[in-house]
Amino acid sequence: MKTLFPLIAALFLSGSLALAADTPNAAAPAVEKKLTSSQQRMADCNKDATGKKGQERRDFMSQCLRAGKPAAAPEAAVAKKPQRMKDCNGQAGEKALKGAERKAFMSECLKAK
């Protein structure tokens, strides 16, 4: 019993010292990680969004984070793009192609520019 108490005290003390070694020292300088461009953009937009709440903030953040990226194509431009699959499928249907003939025709039609 007499040797058990000092042993327990030594274990307790060593455990608390190990925990103290894991905690950051206030005197040691903090190492700052360099932010990626997207993280930096998020931080900048977040600073600019102070004072905004709810939907207004969501809209602002969405617009701010998209800045610098190319805008999505307008619907009119998307509608004008040729729909090759639909056209080729229609042509194959008009010719009443089936099986291997249809597959070969579709392949050639889709490759054509």
PDB file of N, CA and C in Angstrom:
ATOM      1  N   MET A   1       0.825  -1.188   0.000  1.00  0.00           N
ATOM      2  CA  MET A   1       0.000   0.000   0.000  1.00  0.00           C
ATOM      3  C   MET A   1       0.864   1.245   0.000  1.00  0.00           C
ATOM      4  N   LYS A   2       2.000   1.172   0.742  1.00  0.00           N
ATOM      5  CA  LYS A   2       2.882   2.326   0.822  1.00  0.00           C
ATOM      6  C   LYS A   2       3.530   2.615  -0.529  1.00  0.00           C
ATOM      7  N   THR A   3       3.772   1.620  -1.324  1.00  0.00           N
ATOM      8  CA  THR A   3       4.385   1.834  -2.640  1.00  0.00           C
ATOM      9  C   THR A   3       3.347   2.146  -3.715  1.00  0.00           C
ATOM     10  N   LEU A   4       2.102   1.807  -3.444  1.00  0.00           N
ATOM     11  CA  LEU A   4       1.035   2.050  -4.409  1.00  0.00           C
ATOM     12  C   LEU A   4       0.721   3.527  -4.541  1.00  0.00           C
ATOM     13  N   PHE A   5       0.688   4.247  -3.432  1.00  0.00           N
ATOM     14  CA  PHE A   5       0.367   5.676  -3.473  1.00  0.00           C
ATOM     15  C   PHE A   5       1.393   6.482  -4.286  1.00  0.00           C
ATOM     16  N   PRO A   6       2.692   6.324  -4.073  1.00  0.00           N
ATOM     17  CA  PRO A   6       3.667   7.071  -4.895  1.00  0.00           C
ATOM     18  C   PRO A   6       3.602   6.679  -6.370  1.00  0.00           C
ATOM     19  N   LEU A   7       3.295   5.419  -6.649  1.00  0.00           N
ATOM     20  CA  LEU A   7       3.183   4.966  -8.028  1.00  0.00           C
ATOM     21  C   LEU A   7       2.007   5.646  -8.730  1.00  0.00           C
ATOM     22  N   ILE A   8       0.860   5.713  -8.069  1.00  0.00           N
ATOM     23  CA  ILE A   8      -0.321   6.374  -8.623  1.00  0.00           C
ATOM     24  C   ILE A   8      -0.061   7.858  -8.807  1.00  0.00           C
ATOM     25  N   ALA A   9       0.592   8.475  -7.833  1.00  0.00           N
ATOM     26  CA  ALA A   9       0.907   9.901  -7.930  1.00  0.00           C
ATOM     27  C   ALA A   9       1.847  10.164  -9.095  1.00  0.00           C
ATOM     28  N   ALA A  10       2.809   9.300  -9.314  1.00  0.00           N
ATOM     29  CA  ALA A  10       3.756   9.454 -10.422  1.00  0.00           C
ATOM     30  C   ALA A  10       3.047   9.314 -11.762  1.00  0.00           C
ATOM     31  N   LEU A  11       2.141   8.364 -11.891  1.00  0.00           N
ATOM     32  CA  LEU A  11       1.372   8.192 -13.123  1.00  0.00           C
ATOM     33  C   LEU A  11       0.488   9.400 -13.396  1.00  0.00           C
ATOM     34  N   PHE A  12      -0.159   9.903 -12.367  1.00  0.00           N
ATOM     35  CA  PHE A  12      -1.028  11.065 -12.519  1.00  0.00           C
ATOM     36  C   PHE A  12      -0.228  12.278 -12.958  1.00  0.00           C
ATOM     37  N   LEU A  13       0.919  12.476 -12.335  1.00  0.00           N
ATOM     38  CA  LEU A  13       1.775  13.612 -12.657  1.00  0.00           C
ATOM     39  C   LEU A  13       2.315  13.508 -14.081  1.00  0.00           C
ATOM     40  N   SER A  14       2.741  12.329 -14.496  1.00  0.00           N
ATOM     41  CA  SER A  14       3.280  12.161 -15.851  1.00  0.00           C
ATOM     42  C   SER A  14       2.184  12.348 -16.896  1.00  0.00           C
ATOM     43  N   GLY A  15       0.979  11.929 -16.581  1.00  0.00           N
ATOM     44  CA  GLY A  15      -0.142  12.120 -17.507  1.00  0.00           C
ATOM     45  C   GLY A  15      -0.476  13.583 -17.681  1.00  0.00           C
ATOM     46  N   SER A  16      -0.467  14.353 -16.606  1.00  0.00           N
ATOM     47  CA  SER A  16      -0.771  15.777 -16.711  1.00  0.00           C
ATOM     48  C   SER A  16       0.348  16.522 -17.418  1.00  0.00           C
ATOM     49  N   LEU A  17       1.595  16.081 -17.247  1.00  0.00           N
ATOM     50  CA  LEU A  17       2.708  16.695 -17.969  1.00  0.00           C
ATOM     51  C   LEU A  17       2.613  16.412 -19.459  1.00  0.00           C
ATOM     52  N   ALA A  18       2.191  15.226 -19.823  1.00  0.00           N
ATOM     53  CA  ALA A  18       2.034  14.878 -21.235  1.00  0.00           C
ATOM     54  C   ALA A  18       0.943  15.726 -21.870  1.00  0.00           C
ATOM     55  N   LEU A  19      -0.141  15.967 -21.143  1.00  0.00           N
ATOM     56  CA  LEU A  19      -1.211  16.817 -21.665  1.00  0.00           C
ATOM     57  C   LEU A  19      -0.742  18.253 -21.811  1.00  0.00           C
ATOM     58  N   ALA A  20       0.057  18.718 -20.874  1.00  0.00           N
ATOM     59  CA  ALA A  20       0.571  20.076 -20.940  1.00  0.00           C
ATOM     60  C   ALA A  20       1.499  20.236 -22.136  1.00  0.00           C
ATOM     61  N   ALA A  21       2.210  19.194 -22.511  1.00  0.00           N
ATOM     62  CA  ALA A  21       3.117  19.258 -23.652  1.00  0.00           C
ATOM     63  C   ALA A  21       2.334  19.329 -24.963  1.00  0.00           C
ATOM     64  N   ASP A  22       1.128  18.752 -25.004  1.00  0.00           N
ATOM     65  CA  ASP A  22       0.314  18.763 -26.212  1.00  0.00           C
ATOM     66  C   ASP A  22      -0.378  20.096 -26.454  1.00  0.00           C
ATOM     67  N   THR A  23      -0.630  20.869 -25.403  1.00  0.00           N
ATOM     68  CA  THR A  23      -1.325  22.132 -25.572  1.00  0.00           C
ATOM     69  C   THR A  23      -0.369  23.163 -26.142  1.00  0.00           C
ATOM     70  N   PRO A  24      -0.854  24.040 -27.045  1.00  0.00           N
ATOM     71  CA  PRO A  24       0.037  25.021 -27.647  1.00  0.00           C
ATOM     72  C   PRO A  24       0.508  26.035 -26.620  1.00  0.00           C
ATOM     73  N   ASN A  25       1.722  26.453 -26.765  1.00  0.00           N
ATOM     74  CA  ASN A  25       2.320  27.423 -25.863  1.00  0.00           C
ATOM     75  C   ASN A  25       1.906  28.822 -26.301  1.00  0.00           C
ATOM     76  N   ALA A  26       1.458  29.631 -25.377  1.00  0.00           N
ATOM     77  CA  ALA A  26       1.017  30.988 -25.700  1.00  0.00           C
ATOM     78  C   ALA A  26       2.179  31.839 -26.180  1.00  0.00           C
ATOM     79  N   ALA A  27       3.395  31.530 -25.743  1.00  0.00           N
ATOM     80  CA  ALA A  27       4.558  32.309 -26.129  1.00  0.00           C
ATOM     81  C   ALA A  27       5.035  31.944 -27.532  1.00  0.00           C
ATOM     82  N   ALA A  28       4.714  30.742 -28.007  1.00  0.00           N
ATOM     83  CA  ALA A  28       5.150  30.314 -29.337  1.00  0.00           C
ATOM     84  C   ALA A  28       4.312  31.014 -30.401  1.00  0.00           C
ATOM     85  N   PRO A  29       4.914  31.468 -31.496  1.00  0.00           N
ATOM     86  CA  PRO A  29       4.153  32.133 -32.551  1.00  0.00           C
ATOM     87  C   PRO A  29       3.257  31.142 -33.287  1.00  0.00           C
ATOM     88  N   ALA A  30       2.062  31.583 -33.629  1.00  0.00           N
ATOM     89  CA  ALA A  30       1.127  30.729 -34.356  1.00  0.00           C
ATOM     90  C   ALA A  30       1.545  30.671 -35.820  1.00  0.00           C
ATOM     91  N   VAL A  31       1.540  29.488 -36.383  1.00  0.00           N
ATOM     92  CA  VAL A  31       1.893  29.304 -37.782  1.00  0.00           C
ATOM     93  C   VAL A  31       0.610  29.441 -38.595  1.00  0.00           C
ATOM     94  N   GLU A  32       0.577  30.427 -39.492  1.00  0.00           N
ATOM     95  CA  GLU A  32      -0.610  30.643 -40.306  1.00  0.00           C
ATOM     96  C   GLU A  32      -0.520  29.823 -41.580  1.00  0.00           C
ATOM     97  N   LYS A  33      -1.580  29.127 -41.897  1.00  0.00           N
ATOM     98  CA  LYS A  33      -1.618  28.362 -43.135  1.00  0.00           C
ATOM     99  C   LYS A  33      -1.995  29.292 -44.270  1.00  0.00           C
ATOM    100  N   LYS A  34      -1.418  29.064 -45.431  1.00  0.00           N
ATOM    101  CA  LYS A  34      -1.745  29.861 -46.604  1.00  0.00           C
ATOM    102  C   LYS A  34      -3.057  29.332 -47.181  1.00  0.00           C
ATOM    103  N   LEU A  35      -3.985  30.244 -47.430  1.00  0.00           N
ATOM    104  CA  LEU A  35      -5.292  29.864 -47.950  1.00  0.00           C
ATOM    105  C   LEU A  35      -5.224  29.655 -49.455  1.00  0.00           C
ATOM    106  N   THR A  36      -6.030  28.716 -49.937  1.00  0.00           N
ATOM    107  CA  THR A  36      -6.151  28.540 -51.378  1.00  0.00           C
ATOM    108  C   THR A  36      -6.928  29.718 -51.940  1.00  0.00           C
ATOM    109  N   SER A  37      -6.946  29.857 -53.246  1.00  0.00           N
ATOM    110  CA  SER A  37      -7.639  30.997 -53.853  1.00  0.00           C
ATOM    111  C   SER A  37      -9.134  30.974 -53.542  1.00  0.00           C
ATOM    112  N   SER A  38      -9.731  29.795 -53.563  1.00  0.00           N
ATOM    113  CA  SER A  38     -11.169  29.717 -53.271  1.00  0.00           C
ATOM    114  C   SER A  38     -11.452  30.012 -51.796  1.00  0.00           C
ATOM    115  N   GLN A  39     -10.544  29.584 -50.909  1.00  0.00           N
ATOM    116  CA  GLN A  39     -10.716  29.884 -49.488  1.00  0.00           C
ATOM    117  C   GLN A  39     -10.551  31.379 -49.240  1.00  0.00           C
ATOM    118  N   GLN A  40      -9.596  31.995 -49.947  1.00  0.00           N
ATOM    119  CA  GLN A  40      -9.382  33.430 -49.799  1.00  0.00           C
ATOM    120  C   GLN A  40     -10.591  34.206 -50.312  1.00  0.00           C
ATOM    121  N   ARG A  41     -11.150  33.768 -51.449  1.00  0.00           N
ATOM    122  CA  ARG A  41     -12.340  34.423 -51.999  1.00  0.00           C
ATOM    123  C   ARG A  41     -13.501  34.319 -51.025  1.00  0.00           C
ATOM    124  N   MET A  42     -13.653  33.147 -50.383  1.00  0.00           N
ATOM    125  CA  MET A  42     -14.719  32.944 -49.402  1.00  0.00           C
ATOM    126  C   MET A  42     -14.530  33.878 -48.217  1.00  0.00           C
ATOM    127  N   ALA A  43     -13.288  34.017 -47.735  1.00  0.00           N
ATOM    128  CA  ALA A  43     -13.022  34.895 -46.600  1.00  0.00           C
ATOM    129  C   ALA A  43     -13.306  36.350 -46.961  1.00  0.00           C
ATOM    130  N   ASP A  44     -12.888  36.776 -48.156  1.00  0.00           N
ATOM    131  CA  ASP A  44     -13.130  38.150 -48.586  1.00  0.00           C
ATOM    132  C   ASP A  44     -14.622  38.438 -48.739  1.00  0.00           C
ATOM    133  N   CYS A  45     -15.344  37.519 -49.367  1.00  0.00           N
ATOM    134  CA  CYS A  45     -16.790  37.705 -49.547  1.00  0.00           C
ATOM    135  C   CYS A  45     -17.496  37.719 -48.198  1.00  0.00           C
ATOM    136  N   ASN A  46     -17.040  36.882 -47.278  1.00  0.00           N
ATOM    137  CA  ASN A  46     -17.644  36.823 -45.954  1.00  0.00           C
ATOM    138  C   ASN A  46     -17.466  38.150 -45.220  1.00  0.00           C
ATOM    139  N   LYS A  47     -16.273  38.771 -45.358  1.00  0.00           N
ATOM    140  CA  LYS A  47     -16.039  40.083 -44.737  1.00  0.00           C
ATOM    141  C   LYS A  47     -16.962  41.131 -45.350  1.00  0.00           C
ATOM    142  N   ASP A  48     -17.114  41.077 -46.684  1.00  0.00           N
ATOM    143  CA  ASP A  48     -17.948  42.066 -47.367  1.00  0.00           C
ATOM    144  C   ASP A  48     -19.430  41.887 -47.057  1.00  0.00           C
ATOM    145  N   ALA A  49     -19.825  40.697 -46.639  1.00  0.00           N
ATOM    146  CA  ALA A  49     -21.235  40.408 -46.400  1.00  0.00           C
ATOM    147  C   ALA A  49     -21.685  40.752 -44.985  1.00  0.00           C
ATOM    148  N   THR A  50     -20.809  41.336 -44.179  1.00  0.00           N
ATOM    149  CA  THR A  50     -21.209  41.671 -42.819  1.00  0.00           C
ATOM    150  C   THR A  50     -22.371  42.662 -42.855  1.00  0.00           C
ATOM    151  N   GLY A  51     -23.326  42.440 -42.002  1.00  0.00           N
ATOM    152  CA  GLY A  51     -24.503  43.303 -41.930  1.00  0.00           C
ATOM    153  C   GLY A  51     -25.670  42.790 -42.761  1.00  0.00           C
ATOM    154  N   LYS A  52     -25.416  41.869 -43.664  1.00  0.00           N
ATOM    155  CA  LYS A  52     -26.499  41.313 -44.495  1.00  0.00           C
ATOM    156  C   LYS A  52     -27.020  40.047 -43.814  1.00  0.00           C
ATOM    157  N   LYS A  53     -28.313  39.794 -43.965  1.00  0.00           N
ATOM    158  CA  LYS A  53     -28.914  38.622 -43.321  1.00  0.00           C
ATOM    159  C   LYS A  53     -29.864  37.934 -44.287  1.00  0.00           C
ATOM    160  N   GLY A  54     -30.089  36.663 -44.020  1.00  0.00           N
ATOM    161  CA  GLY A  54     -31.088  35.892 -44.740  1.00  0.00           C
ATOM    162  C   GLY A  54     -30.828  35.788 -46.230  1.00  0.00           C
ATOM    163  N   GLN A  55     -31.893  35.962 -46.996  1.00  0.00           N
ATOM    164  CA  GLN A  55     -31.821  35.806 -48.449  1.00  0.00           C
ATOM    165  C   GLN A  55     -30.881  36.825 -49.075  1.00  0.00           C
ATOM    166  N   GLU A  56     -30.851  38.028 -48.520  1.00  0.00           N
ATOM    167  CA  GLU A  56     -29.961  39.060 -49.051  1.00  0.00           C
ATOM    168  C   GLU A  56     -28.504  38.594 -48.955  1.00  0.00           C
ATOM    169  N   ARG A  57     -28.127  37.982 -47.824  1.00  0.00           N
ATOM    170  CA  ARG A  57     -26.757  37.487 -47.646  1.00  0.00           C
ATOM    171  C   ARG A  57     -26.470  36.339 -48.595  1.00  0.00           C
ATOM    172  N   ARG A  58     -27.422  35.397 -48.728  1.00  0.00           N
ATOM    173  CA  ARG A  58     -27.224  34.260 -49.623  1.00  0.00           C
ATOM    174  C   ARG A  58     -27.025  34.733 -51.058  1.00  0.00           C
ATOM    175  N   ASP A  59     -27.841  35.703 -51.491  1.00  0.00           N
ATOM    176  CA  ASP A  59     -27.715  36.224 -52.851  1.00  0.00           C
ATOM    177  C   ASP A  59     -26.375  36.923 -53.046  1.00  0.00           C
ATOM    178  N   PHE A  60     -25.983  37.728 -52.046  1.00  0.00           N
ATOM    179  CA  PHE A  60     -24.710  38.439 -52.144  1.00  0.00           C
ATOM    180  C   PHE A  60     -23.540  37.458 -52.208  1.00  0.00           C
ATOM    181  N   MET A  61     -23.544  36.449 -51.328  1.00  0.00           N
ATOM    182  CA  MET A  61     -22.445  35.479 -51.297  1.00  0.00           C
ATOM    183  C   MET A  61     -22.386  34.696 -52.603  1.00  0.00           C
ATOM    184  N   SER A  62     -23.529  34.323 -53.120  1.00  0.00           N
ATOM    185  CA  SER A  62     -23.568  33.587 -54.373  1.00  0.00           C
ATOM    186  C   SER A  62     -22.957  34.414 -55.495  1.00  0.00           C
ATOM    187  N   GLN A  63     -23.362  35.671 -55.600  1.00  0.00           N
ATOM    188  CA  GLN A  63     -22.849  36.551 -56.639  1.00  0.00           C
ATOM    189  C   GLN A  63     -21.357  36.822 -56.431  1.00  0.00           C
ATOM    190  N   CYS A  64     -20.949  37.050 -55.208  1.00  0.00           N
ATOM    191  CA  CYS A  64     -19.551  37.359 -54.896  1.00  0.00           C
ATOM    192  C   CYS A  64     -18.643  36.166 -55.213  1.00  0.00           C
ATOM    193  N   LEU A  65     -19.068  34.974 -54.861  1.00  0.00           N
ATOM    194  CA  LEU A  65     -18.241  33.795 -55.094  1.00  0.00           C
ATOM    195  C   LEU A  65     -18.151  33.444 -56.575  1.00  0.00           C
ATOM    196  N   ARG A  66     -19.147  33.823 -57.349  1.00  0.00           N
ATOM    197  CA  ARG A  66     -19.116  33.569 -58.790  1.00  0.00           C
ATOM    198  C   ARG A  66     -18.253  34.568 -59.537  1.00  0.00           C
ATOM    199  N   ALA A  67     -17.942  35.690 -58.925  1.00  0.00           N
ATOM    200  CA  ALA A  67     -17.170  36.737 -59.595  1.00  0.00           C
ATOM    201  C   ALA A  67     -15.854  36.153 -60.088  1.00  0.00           C
ATOM    202  N   GLY A  68     -15.503  36.482 -61.308  1.00  0.00           N
ATOM    203  CA  GLY A  68     -14.268  35.993 -61.881  1.00  0.00           C
ATOM    204  C   GLY A  68     -14.444  34.704 -62.657  1.00  0.00           C
ATOM    205  N   LYS A  69     -15.569  34.064 -62.521  1.00  0.00           N
ATOM    206  CA  LYS A  69     -15.835  32.852 -63.281  1.00  0.00           C
ATOM    207  C   LYS A  69     -16.672  33.221 -64.492  1.00  0.00           C
ATOM    208  N   PRO A  70     -16.522  32.530 -65.599  1.00  0.00           N
ATOM    209  CA  PRO A  70     -17.339  32.847 -66.770  1.00  0.00           C
ATOM    210  C   PRO A  70     -18.810  32.576 -66.488  1.00  0.00           C
ATOM    211  N   ALA A  71     -19.643  33.442 -66.975  1.00  0.00           N
ATOM    212  CA  ALA A  71     -21.079  33.299 -66.759  1.00  0.00           C
ATOM    213  C   ALA A  71     -21.601  32.110 -67.547  1.00  0.00           C
ATOM    214  N   ALA A  72     -22.658  31.525 -67.058  1.00  0.00           N
ATOM    215  CA  ALA A  72     -23.276  30.403 -67.753  1.00  0.00           C
ATOM    216  C   ALA A  72     -23.874  30.888 -69.062  1.00  0.00           C
ATOM    217  N   ALA A  73     -23.926  30.007 -70.038  1.00  0.00           N
ATOM    218  CA  ALA A  73     -24.466  30.375 -71.347  1.00  0.00           C
ATOM    219  C   ALA A  73     -25.942  30.701 -71.220  1.00  0.00           C
ATOM    220  N   PRO A  74     -26.396  31.753 -71.864  1.00  0.00           N
ATOM    221  CA  PRO A  74     -27.822  32.084 -71.819  1.00  0.00           C
ATOM    222  C   PRO A  74     -28.647  30.979 -72.470  1.00  0.00           C
ATOM    223  N   GLU A  75     -29.893  30.920 -72.093  1.00  0.00           N
ATOM    224  CA  GLU A  75     -30.772  29.859 -72.604  1.00  0.00           C
ATOM    225  C   GLU A  75     -30.920  29.923 -74.114  1.00  0.00           C
ATOM    226  N   ALA A  76     -30.915  31.111 -74.697  1.00  0.00           N
ATOM    227  CA  ALA A  76     -31.069  31.243 -76.149  1.00  0.00           C
ATOM    228  C   ALA A  76     -29.907  30.581 -76.870  1.00  0.00           C
ATOM    229  N   ALA A  77     -28.693  30.732 -76.351  1.00  0.00           N
ATOM    230  CA  ALA A  77     -27.536  30.121 -76.981  1.00  0.00           C
ATOM    231  C   ALA A  77     -27.581  28.602 -76.852  1.00  0.00           C
ATOM    232  N   VAL A  78     -28.085  28.121 -75.738  1.00  0.00           N
ATOM    233  CA  VAL A  78     -28.180  26.682 -75.529  1.00  0.00           C
ATOM    234  C   VAL A  78     -29.215  26.088 -76.478  1.00  0.00           C
ATOM    235  N   ALA A  79     -30.296  26.787 -76.694  1.00  0.00           N
ATOM    236  CA  ALA A  79     -31.355  26.282 -77.566  1.00  0.00           C
ATOM    237  C   ALA A  79     -30.905  26.201 -79.018  1.00  0.00           C
ATOM    238  N   LYS A  80     -29.958  27.054 -79.442  1.00  0.00           N
ATOM    239  CA  LYS A  80     -29.499  27.071 -80.826  1.00  0.00           C
ATOM    240  C   LYS A  80     -28.511  25.953 -81.137  1.00  0.00           C
ATOM    241  N   LYS A  81     -27.905  25.331 -80.125  1.00  0.00           N
ATOM    242  CA  LYS A  81     -26.937  24.277 -80.361  1.00  0.00           C
ATOM    243  C   LYS A  81     -27.633  23.101 -81.040  1.00  0.00           C
ATOM    244  N   PRO A  82     -26.964  22.492 -82.011  1.00  0.00           N
ATOM    245  CA  PRO A  82     -27.590  21.346 -82.674  1.00  0.00           C
ATOM    246  C   PRO A  82     -27.705  20.162 -81.725  1.00  0.00           C
ATOM    247  N   GLN A  83     -28.771  19.472 -81.839  1.00  0.00           N
ATOM    248  CA  GLN A  83     -28.990  18.291 -81.011  1.00  0.00           C
ATOM    249  C   GLN A  83     -28.726  17.073 -81.880  1.00  0.00           C
ATOM    250  N   ARG A  84     -27.457  16.689 -81.920  1.00  0.00           N
ATOM    251  CA  ARG A  84     -27.036  15.625 -82.823  1.00  0.00           C
ATOM    252  C   ARG A  84     -27.746  14.310 -82.563  1.00  0.00           C
ATOM    253  N   MET A  85     -27.831  13.917 -81.302  1.00  0.00           N
ATOM    254  CA  MET A  85     -28.435  12.625 -80.970  1.00  0.00           C
ATOM    255  C   MET A  85     -29.880  12.576 -81.466  1.00  0.00           C
ATOM    256  N   LYS A  86     -30.608  13.660 -81.218  1.00  0.00           N
ATOM    257  CA  LYS A  86     -32.011  13.697 -81.629  1.00  0.00           C
ATOM    258  C   LYS A  86     -32.129  13.642 -83.149  1.00  0.00           C
ATOM    259  N   ASP A  87     -31.276  14.414 -83.815  1.00  0.00           N
ATOM    260  CA  ASP A  87     -31.314  14.431 -85.282  1.00  0.00           C
ATOM    261  C   ASP A  87     -30.945  13.072 -85.869  1.00  0.00           C
ATOM    262  N   CYS A  88     -29.874  12.482 -85.387  1.00  0.00           N
ATOM    263  CA  CYS A  88     -29.434  11.173 -85.888  1.00  0.00           C
ATOM    264  C   CYS A  88     -30.477  10.105 -85.623  1.00  0.00           C
ATOM    265  N   ASN A  89     -31.089  10.166 -84.452  1.00  0.00           N
ATOM    266  CA  ASN A  89     -32.113   9.188 -84.111  1.00  0.00           C
ATOM    267  C   ASN A  89     -33.314   9.336 -85.048  1.00  0.00           C
ATOM    268  N   GLY A  90     -33.669  10.581 -85.358  1.00  0.00           N
ATOM    269  CA  GLY A  90     -34.779  10.820 -86.296  1.00  0.00           C
ATOM    270  C   GLY A  90     -34.470  10.288 -87.687  1.00  0.00           C
ATOM    271  N   GLN A  91     -33.242  10.500 -88.144  1.00  0.00           N
ATOM    272  CA  GLN A  91     -32.847  10.011 -89.468  1.00  0.00           C
ATOM    273  C   GLN A  91     -32.848   8.490 -89.512  1.00  0.00           C
ATOM    274  N   ALA A  92     -32.385   7.873 -88.433  1.00  0.00           N
ATOM    275  CA  ALA A  92     -32.383   6.409 -88.385  1.00  0.00           C
ATOM    276  C   ALA A  92     -33.808   5.869 -88.373  1.00  0.00           C
ATOM    277  N   GLY A  93     -34.706   6.574 -87.719  1.00  0.00           N
ATOM    278  CA  GLY A  93     -36.113   6.166 -87.700  1.00  0.00           C
ATOM    279  C   GLY A  93     -36.755   6.295 -89.072  1.00  0.00           C
ATOM    280  N   GLU A  94     -36.415   7.368 -89.794  1.00  0.00           N
ATOM    281  CA  GLU A  94     -36.957   7.570 -91.144  1.00  0.00           C
ATOM    282  C   GLU A  94     -36.493   6.470 -92.089  1.00  0.00           C
ATOM    283  N   LYS A  95     -35.267   6.019 -91.904  1.00  0.00           N
ATOM    284  CA  LYS A  95     -34.711   4.970 -92.762  1.00  0.00           C
ATOM    285  C   LYS A  95     -35.112   3.580 -92.284  1.00  0.00           C
ATOM    286  N   ALA A  96     -35.815   3.509 -91.165  1.00  0.00           N
ATOM    287  CA  ALA A  96     -36.277   2.246 -90.576  1.00  0.00           C
ATOM    288  C   ALA A  96     -35.119   1.283 -90.328  1.00  0.00           C
ATOM    289  N   LEU A  97     -34.017   1.808 -89.824  1.00  0.00           N
ATOM    290  CA  LEU A  97     -32.860   0.973 -89.538  1.00  0.00           C
ATOM    291  C   LEU A  97     -33.041   0.267 -88.207  1.00  0.00           C
ATOM    292  N   LYS A  98     -32.556  -0.962 -88.130  1.00  0.00           N
ATOM    293  CA  LYS A  98     -32.660  -1.741 -86.896  1.00  0.00           C
ATOM    294  C   LYS A  98     -31.383  -2.536 -86.680  1.00  0.00           C
ATOM    295  N   GLY A  99     -31.139  -2.871 -85.420  1.00  0.00           N
ATOM    296  CA  GLY A  99     -30.018  -3.742 -85.078  1.00  0.00           C
ATOM    297  C   GLY A  99     -28.663  -3.137 -85.374  1.00  0.00           C
ATOM    298  N   ALA A 100     -27.794  -3.974 -85.998  1.00  0.00           N
ATOM    299  CA  ALA A 100     -26.418  -3.574 -86.280  1.00  0.00           C
ATOM    300  C   ALA A 100     -26.364  -2.409 -87.266  1.00  0.00           C
ATOM    301  N   GLU A 101     -27.292  -2.394 -88.244  1.00  0.00           N
ATOM    302  CA  GLU A 101     -27.310  -1.298 -89.219  1.00  0.00           C
ATOM    303  C   GLU A 101     -27.589   0.038 -88.529  1.00  0.00           C
ATOM    304  N   ARG A 102     -28.545   0.029 -87.601  1.00  0.00           N
ATOM    305  CA  ARG A 102     -28.883   1.259 -86.869  1.00  0.00           C
ATOM    306  C   ARG A 102     -27.705   1.711 -86.009  1.00  0.00           C
ATOM    307  N   LYS A 103     -27.062   0.742 -85.351  1.00  0.00           N
ATOM    308  CA  LYS A 103     -25.930   1.063 -84.485  1.00  0.00           C
ATOM    309  C   LYS A 103     -24.795   1.684 -85.298  1.00  0.00           C
ATOM    310  N   ALA A 104     -24.500   1.110 -86.454  1.00  0.00           N
ATOM    311  CA  ALA A 104     -23.430   1.630 -87.307  1.00  0.00           C
ATOM    312  C   ALA A 104     -23.800   3.022 -87.830  1.00  0.00           C
ATOM    313  N   PHE A 105     -25.051   3.201 -88.245  1.00  0.00           N
ATOM    314  CA  PHE A 105     -25.491   4.510 -88.740  1.00  0.00           C
ATOM    315  C   PHE A 105     -25.396   5.559 -87.638  1.00  0.00           C
ATOM    316  N   MET A 106     -25.856   5.241 -86.446  1.00  0.00           N
ATOM    317  CA  MET A 106     -25.823   6.185 -85.335  1.00  0.00           C
ATOM    318  C   MET A 106     -24.383   6.572 -84.996  1.00  0.00           C
ATOM    319  N   SER A 107     -23.491   5.587 -85.025  1.00  0.00           N
ATOM    320  CA  SER A 107     -22.088   5.853 -84.736  1.00  0.00           C
ATOM    321  C   SER A 107     -21.505   6.841 -85.739  1.00  0.00           C
ATOM    322  N   GLU A 108     -21.736   6.587 -87.025  1.00  0.00           N
ATOM    323  CA  GLU A 108     -21.211   7.478 -88.070  1.00  0.00           C
ATOM    324  C   GLU A 108     -21.870   8.851 -88.005  1.00  0.00           C
ATOM    325  N   CYS A 109     -23.158   8.889 -87.758  1.00  0.00           N
ATOM    326  CA  CYS A 109     -23.887  10.139 -87.712  1.00  0.00           C
ATOM    327  C   CYS A 109     -23.410  11.007 -86.546  1.00  0.00           C
ATOM    328  N   LEU A 110     -23.195  10.414 -85.401  1.00  0.00           N
ATOM    329  CA  LEU A 110     -22.753  11.166 -84.230  1.00  0.00           C
ATOM    330  C   LEU A 110     -21.302  11.648 -84.360  1.00  0.00           C
ATOM    331  N   LYS A 111     -20.493  10.920 -85.128  1.00  0.00           N
ATOM    332  CA  LYS A 111     -19.100  11.326 -85.350  1.00  0.00           C
ATOM    333  C   LYS A 111     -19.028  12.499 -86.311  1.00  0.00           C
ATOM    334  N   ALA A 112     -19.981  12.595 -87.224  1.00  0.00           N
ATOM    335  CA  ALA A 112     -19.967  13.652 -88.238  1.00  0.00           C
ATOM    336  C   ALA A 112     -20.106  15.016 -87.568  1.00  0.00           C
ATOM    337  N   LYS A 113     -19.385  15.996 -88.129  1.00  0.00           N
ATOM    338  CA  LYS A 113     -19.451  17.340 -87.540  1.00  0.00           C
ATOM    339  C   LYS A 113     -20.213  18.278 -88.435  1.00  0.00           C
TER     340      LYS A 113
END
